[in-house]
Amino acid sequence: MSRLHLHLLSDSTGETLEMMAKAALAQFDNADVVRHFWPMVRSRQHLDRIMGDIANNPGLVLYTLVDGGTRTRLEEHCRALGLPSVAILDAVTDALESMLGQEAKGRPGRQHLMDEAYFARVEAIQFTIAHDDGMAWEDWEDADIVLAGVSRTSKTPTSIYLANRGYKTANIPIVIESPPPAALFGLRRPLVVGLTTAPERLIQVRRNRLLSLQQAPDTSYVETENVAREVQFARRIFADNGWPVIDVTRRSIEETAAAVINLYFERQSAGGAAPAGSKAL
């Protein structure tokens, strides 16, 4: 298999370009690809300096450049070198312009500006860290989302992922011996979601956790009957309160978070009312 040089040129941080390239490359097994990353390309002079390296390592050129002059110069260089070049956001931008009936702003790195969304994300992360594992339950009404579940159902990493998407998220462990505070059952503003998993998978995760902590993996924490009872106890709470339920047994953190976000938007579309009936996903 021949080696491919992949050149990524962006007029901003290049984060979007890099993620799209990674997603595309994931479709190919054992691809021998060398990535060359060129962020903050905002002038033709800068571009000209880069082209020497591209000529020495010919390959595919992917770019997100807003400035028309810089784009044209890059395309001319690529044609002269016989290299393919792809403006990866053009098709999406063109479609949005057509549907929205307006032209794109054409500002480099617009999605990364420190706008209100950025500060909302920072606030969400701070809130989520302060409300991890049942802490500060008095403020749960200020959350966007509250995750509930037994120990090791990925509540904390899912909460952090949601916070990075801008959602203020609290999470609470469901423990038979220590029932959650009554405030959890009276929440109106937040979407409360129950996370569950197969007992067998939960036992495996817990055993691995104990081993990583160098603790004996033979406690009631991983005893089959006790774990099954915990999971059933949590499911009964979810059902009694009509909370939607997500089974995380075969889901990654990203997949679980995506399911939570879908539930959040469904609830918003329904007027923000509490979800009716327990819904397992």
Protein backbone atom coordinates (compact mmCIF):
# COMPACT_ATOMS: atom_id res chain seq x y z
CA MET A 1 0.00 0.00 0.00
CA SER A 2 1.43 3.37 -1.04
CA ARG A 3 1.74 6.22 1.43
CA LEU A 4 -0.63 9.19 1.13
CA HIS A 5 0.37 12.68 2.17
CA LEU A 6 -2.70 14.54 3.43
CA HIS A 7 -2.36 18.33 3.69
CA LEU A 8 -4.85 20.15 5.94
CA LEU A 9 -4.97 23.94 5.47
CA SER A 10 -7.16 26.17 7.62
CA ASP A 11 -7.49 29.91 8.20
CA SER A 12 -8.35 29.20 11.85
CA THR A 13 -7.34 26.60 14.42
CA GLY A 14 -8.10 23.77 12.01
CA GLU A 15 -10.07 21.85 14.63
CA THR A 16 -13.09 21.34 12.36
CA LEU A 17 -10.90 20.30 9.41
CA GLU A 18 -8.93 17.84 11.52
CA MET A 19 -12.07 16.20 12.94
CA MET A 20 -13.59 15.79 9.49
CA ALA A 21 -10.36 14.29 8.15
CA LYS A 22 -10.22 11.83 11.06
CA ALA A 23 -13.85 10.83 10.51
CA ALA A 24 -13.21 10.20 6.80
CA LEU A 25 -9.97 8.26 7.40
CA ALA A 26 -11.75 6.03 9.91
CA GLN A 27 -13.57 4.48 6.94
CA PHE A 28 -10.32 2.99 5.63
CA ASP A 29 -8.47 0.07 7.24
CA ASN A 30 -4.72 0.31 7.71
CA ALA A 31 -4.37 3.42 5.56
CA ASP A 32 -0.77 4.67 5.45
CA VAL A 33 -1.40 8.39 5.76
CA VAL A 34 0.98 11.17 6.75
CA ARG A 35 -0.91 14.27 7.85
CA HIS A 36 0.56 17.74 7.36
CA PHE A 37 -1.30 20.33 9.42
CA TRP A 38 -1.25 24.02 8.40
CA PRO A 39 -3.45 26.20 10.66
CA MET A 40 -3.92 30.00 10.63
CA VAL A 41 -3.27 30.39 6.88
CA ARG A 42 -4.66 33.90 6.36
CA SER A 43 -2.50 35.44 3.66
CA ARG A 44 -1.22 34.54 0.21
CA GLN A 45 2.33 35.11 1.44
CA HIS A 46 1.85 32.49 4.15
CA LEU A 47 0.32 30.13 1.61
CA ASP A 48 3.26 30.55 -0.78
CA ARG A 49 5.66 29.51 1.97
CA ILE A 50 3.63 26.36 2.61
CA MET A 51 3.42 25.33 -1.03
CA GLY A 52 7.10 24.36 -1.11
CA ASP A 53 6.48 21.66 1.48
CA ILE A 54 3.33 20.51 -0.30
CA ALA A 55 5.28 20.23 -3.57
CA ASN A 56 7.94 18.13 -1.82
CA ASN A 57 5.25 15.82 -0.38
CA PRO A 58 2.54 15.67 -3.04
CA GLY A 59 -0.83 14.30 -2.01
CA LEU A 60 -4.41 15.31 -1.25
CA VAL A 61 -5.10 18.88 -0.10
CA LEU A 62 -8.13 19.56 2.13
CA TYR A 63 -8.86 23.12 3.14
CA THR A 64 -11.19 25.52 4.91
CA LEU A 65 -10.18 28.96 3.63
CA VAL A 66 -12.67 31.82 3.57
CA ASP A 67 -10.68 34.52 1.78
CA GLY A 68 -11.39 34.28 -1.96
CA GLY A 69 -7.91 35.40 -3.03
CA THR A 70 -6.16 32.84 -0.83
CA ARG A 71 -8.49 30.06 -2.01
CA THR A 72 -7.90 30.92 -5.67
CA ARG A 73 -4.14 30.96 -5.19
CA LEU A 74 -4.18 27.58 -3.45
CA GLU A 75 -6.28 26.06 -6.23
CA GLU A 76 -3.92 27.49 -8.87
CA HIS A 77 -0.90 26.04 -7.06
CA CYS A 78 -2.60 22.63 -6.79
CA ARG A 79 -3.52 22.60 -10.48
CA ALA A 80 0.07 23.47 -11.40
CA LEU A 81 1.31 20.58 -9.26
CA GLY A 82 -1.38 18.20 -10.49
CA LEU A 83 -2.76 17.73 -6.95
CA PRO A 84 -6.42 17.31 -6.00
CA SER A 85 -7.81 19.93 -3.61
CA VAL A 86 -11.12 19.82 -1.75
CA ALA A 87 -12.89 22.66 0.09
CA ILE A 88 -14.62 20.40 2.58
CA LEU A 89 -17.24 22.85 3.89
CA ASP A 90 -18.35 24.28 0.56
CA ALA A 91 -21.13 21.78 -0.16
CA VAL A 92 -22.67 22.25 3.29
CA THR A 93 -22.34 26.04 3.16
CA ASP A 94 -23.88 26.19 -0.33
CA ALA A 95 -26.82 24.08 0.78
CA LEU A 96 -27.39 26.26 3.86
CA GLU A 97 -27.22 29.44 1.76
CA SER A 98 -29.85 28.02 -0.55
CA MET A 99 -32.17 26.89 2.24
CA LEU A 100 -31.72 29.99 4.43
CA GLY A 101 -31.85 32.46 1.57
CA GLN A 102 -28.78 34.36 2.70
CA GLU A 103 -25.04 34.40 2.09
CA ALA A 104 -22.56 32.96 4.58
CA LYS A 105 -20.67 35.55 6.63
CA GLY A 106 -17.30 34.38 5.39
CA ARG A 107 -15.34 35.01 8.57
CA PRO A 108 -12.32 32.78 9.34
CA GLY A 109 -12.83 30.47 12.31
CA ARG A 110 -16.23 31.96 13.04
CA GLN A 111 -17.33 28.86 14.97
CA HIS A 112 -14.47 29.31 17.46
CA LEU A 113 -15.07 32.93 18.40
CA MET A 114 -15.38 33.65 22.12
CA ASP A 115 -19.08 34.40 21.80
CA GLU A 116 -21.97 33.75 24.15
CA ALA A 117 -21.92 30.05 23.29
CA TYR A 118 -18.28 29.81 24.42
CA PHE A 119 -18.99 31.37 27.79
CA ALA A 120 -22.10 29.22 28.17
CA ARG A 121 -19.87 26.17 27.65
CA VAL A 122 -17.44 27.36 30.33
CA GLU A 123 -20.33 27.95 32.73
CA ALA A 124 -21.73 24.50 31.97
CA ILE A 125 -18.38 22.83 32.70
CA GLN A 126 -18.02 24.69 36.00
CA PHE A 127 -21.56 23.76 37.01
CA THR A 128 -21.09 20.12 36.06
CA ILE A 129 -17.87 19.71 38.02
CA ALA A 130 -19.49 21.29 41.08
CA HIS A 131 -22.51 18.96 40.84
CA ASP A 132 -20.79 15.63 40.26
CA ASP A 133 -21.79 12.49 42.20
CA GLY A 134 -24.75 14.03 44.02
CA MET A 135 -23.00 17.17 45.22
CA ALA A 136 -24.79 20.49 45.75
CA TRP A 137 -28.21 18.98 45.16
CA GLU A 138 -29.82 22.25 46.32
CA ASP A 139 -28.91 23.75 42.92
CA TRP A 140 -30.17 20.93 40.71
CA GLU A 141 -33.13 23.02 39.54
CA ASP A 142 -30.59 25.20 37.69
CA ALA A 143 -29.31 22.23 35.67
CA ASP A 144 -30.30 21.48 32.10
CA ILE A 145 -29.89 17.74 32.59
CA VAL A 146 -29.64 15.42 35.61
CA LEU A 147 -28.29 11.90 35.14
CA ALA A 148 -29.18 9.19 37.64
CA GLY A 149 -27.87 5.64 37.85
CA VAL A 150 -26.06 3.07 39.94
CA SER A 151 -22.32 3.21 40.37
CA ARG A 152 -20.21 2.76 37.18
CA THR A 153 -22.92 3.55 34.62
CA SER A 154 -20.74 6.31 33.09
CA LYS A 155 -22.58 9.19 34.76
CA THR A 156 -19.53 11.40 35.32
CA PRO A 157 -17.84 11.07 31.90
CA THR A 158 -21.20 11.50 30.17
CA SER A 159 -21.87 14.60 32.27
CA ILE A 160 -18.50 16.10 31.34
CA TYR A 161 -19.10 15.36 27.66
CA LEU A 162 -22.50 17.06 27.85
CA ALA A 163 -20.96 20.03 29.64
CA ASN A 164 -18.49 20.44 26.80
CA ARG A 165 -21.51 20.67 24.52
CA GLY A 166 -22.90 23.47 26.68
CA TYR A 167 -25.36 21.59 28.91
CA LYS A 168 -25.25 22.17 32.66
CA THR A 169 -25.37 18.61 33.96
CA ALA A 170 -25.64 17.15 37.45
CA ASN A 171 -25.46 13.47 38.28
CA ILE A 172 -26.58 11.39 41.23
CA PRO A 173 -25.72 7.80 42.20
CA ILE A 174 -28.64 5.54 43.01
CA VAL A 175 -27.73 3.56 46.13
CA ILE A 176 -30.19 1.24 47.90
CA GLU A 177 -28.77 2.00 51.35
CA SER A 178 -28.79 5.77 50.76
CA PRO A 179 -31.84 6.96 48.80
CA PRO A 180 -31.42 10.16 46.77
CA PRO A 181 -32.59 13.47 48.24
CA ALA A 182 -36.29 14.27 47.87
CA ALA A 183 -35.36 17.28 45.72
CA LEU A 184 -34.56 14.90 42.84
CA PHE A 185 -38.20 13.86 42.54
CA GLY A 186 -39.55 17.41 42.44
CA LEU A 187 -37.36 18.83 39.69
CA ARG A 188 -39.27 20.68 36.96
CA ARG A 189 -36.72 22.50 34.79
CA PRO A 190 -34.04 19.84 34.21
CA LEU A 191 -34.48 16.75 32.10
CA VAL A 192 -33.84 13.78 34.41
CA VAL A 193 -32.48 10.71 32.61
CA GLY A 194 -31.86 7.29 34.11
CA LEU A 195 -28.78 5.37 33.01
CA THR A 196 -28.81 1.61 33.30
CA THR A 197 -26.76 -1.34 32.09
CA ALA A 198 -26.79 -5.12 32.06
CA PRO A 199 -25.78 -6.51 35.50
CA GLU A 200 -23.20 -8.82 33.91
CA ARG A 201 -21.49 -5.92 32.17
CA LEU A 202 -21.69 -3.80 35.32
CA ILE A 203 -19.97 -6.51 37.35
CA GLN A 204 -17.15 -6.68 34.81
CA VAL A 205 -16.67 -2.89 34.86
CA ARG A 206 -16.70 -2.80 38.65
CA ARG A 207 -14.19 -5.65 38.91
CA ASN A 208 -11.84 -3.82 36.58
CA ARG A 209 -12.25 -0.69 38.65
CA LEU A 210 -11.39 -2.51 41.88
CA LEU A 211 -8.35 -4.11 40.27
CA SER A 212 -7.12 -0.73 39.04
CA LEU A 213 -7.38 0.51 42.63
CA GLN A 214 -5.57 -2.63 43.83
CA GLN A 215 -8.57 -3.69 45.89
CA ALA A 216 -9.88 -7.24 46.29
CA PRO A 217 -12.51 -7.87 43.58
CA ASP A 218 -14.69 -10.09 45.79
CA THR A 219 -16.86 -7.63 47.73
CA SER A 220 -20.65 -7.17 47.66
CA TYR A 221 -19.96 -4.37 45.17
CA VAL A 222 -19.50 -7.04 42.48
CA GLU A 223 -21.66 -9.82 43.92
CA THR A 224 -24.14 -10.96 41.27
CA GLU A 225 -27.28 -10.90 43.40
CA ASN A 226 -26.49 -7.51 44.95
CA VAL A 227 -25.71 -5.91 41.57
CA ALA A 228 -28.91 -7.25 40.03
CA ARG A 229 -30.85 -5.87 43.01
CA GLU A 230 -29.21 -2.44 42.58
CA VAL A 231 -30.06 -2.29 38.90
CA GLN A 232 -33.66 -3.35 39.56
CA PHE A 233 -33.98 -0.77 42.37
CA ALA A 234 -32.79 2.00 40.06
CA ARG A 235 -35.09 0.91 37.25
CA ARG A 236 -38.05 0.97 39.62
CA ILE A 237 -37.22 4.56 40.60
CA PHE A 238 -36.94 5.55 36.93
CA ALA A 239 -40.29 3.95 36.09
CA ASP A 240 -42.09 5.36 39.14
CA ASN A 241 -41.04 8.88 38.15
CA GLY A 242 -41.59 8.51 34.43
CA TRP A 243 -37.98 9.32 33.56
CA PRO A 244 -36.58 8.25 30.20
CA VAL A 245 -34.00 5.48 30.49
CA ILE A 246 -30.88 4.87 28.42
CA ASP A 247 -29.18 1.48 28.45
CA VAL A 248 -25.44 2.17 28.25
CA THR A 249 -24.40 -1.50 28.03
CA ARG A 250 -23.19 -1.25 24.43
CA ARG A 251 -22.91 2.51 24.06
CA SER A 252 -19.85 4.71 24.05
CA ILE A 253 -19.88 7.93 26.08
CA GLU A 254 -20.49 9.89 22.87
CA GLU A 255 -23.44 7.68 21.91
CA THR A 256 -24.99 7.98 25.35
CA ALA A 257 -24.58 11.76 25.30
CA ALA A 258 -26.13 11.94 21.82
CA ALA A 259 -29.15 9.98 23.06
CA VAL A 260 -29.49 12.33 26.04
CA ILE A 261 -29.31 15.39 23.78
CA ASN A 262 -32.00 13.91 21.53
CA LEU A 263 -34.24 13.45 24.56
CA TYR A 264 -33.49 17.01 25.63
CA PHE A 265 -34.56 18.44 22.27
CA GLU A 266 -37.64 16.23 22.16
CA ARG A 267 -38.63 17.65 25.53
CA GLN A 268 -37.95 21.21 24.38
CA SER A 269 -40.06 20.65 21.28
CA ALA A 270 -42.88 19.39 23.47
CA GLY A 271 -42.83 22.65 25.41
CA GLY A 272 -40.46 21.67 28.21
CA ALA A 273 -42.97 19.44 29.95
CA ALA A 274 -41.71 16.56 32.04
CA PRO A 275 -41.36 13.39 29.94
CA ALA A 276 -44.41 11.17 30.12
CA GLY A 277 -43.67 7.54 30.77
CA SER A 278 -40.41 5.68 31.10
CA LYS A 279 -38.68 5.26 27.76
CA ALA A 280 -35.77 2.84 27.40
CA LEU A 281 -33.27 3.65 24.66
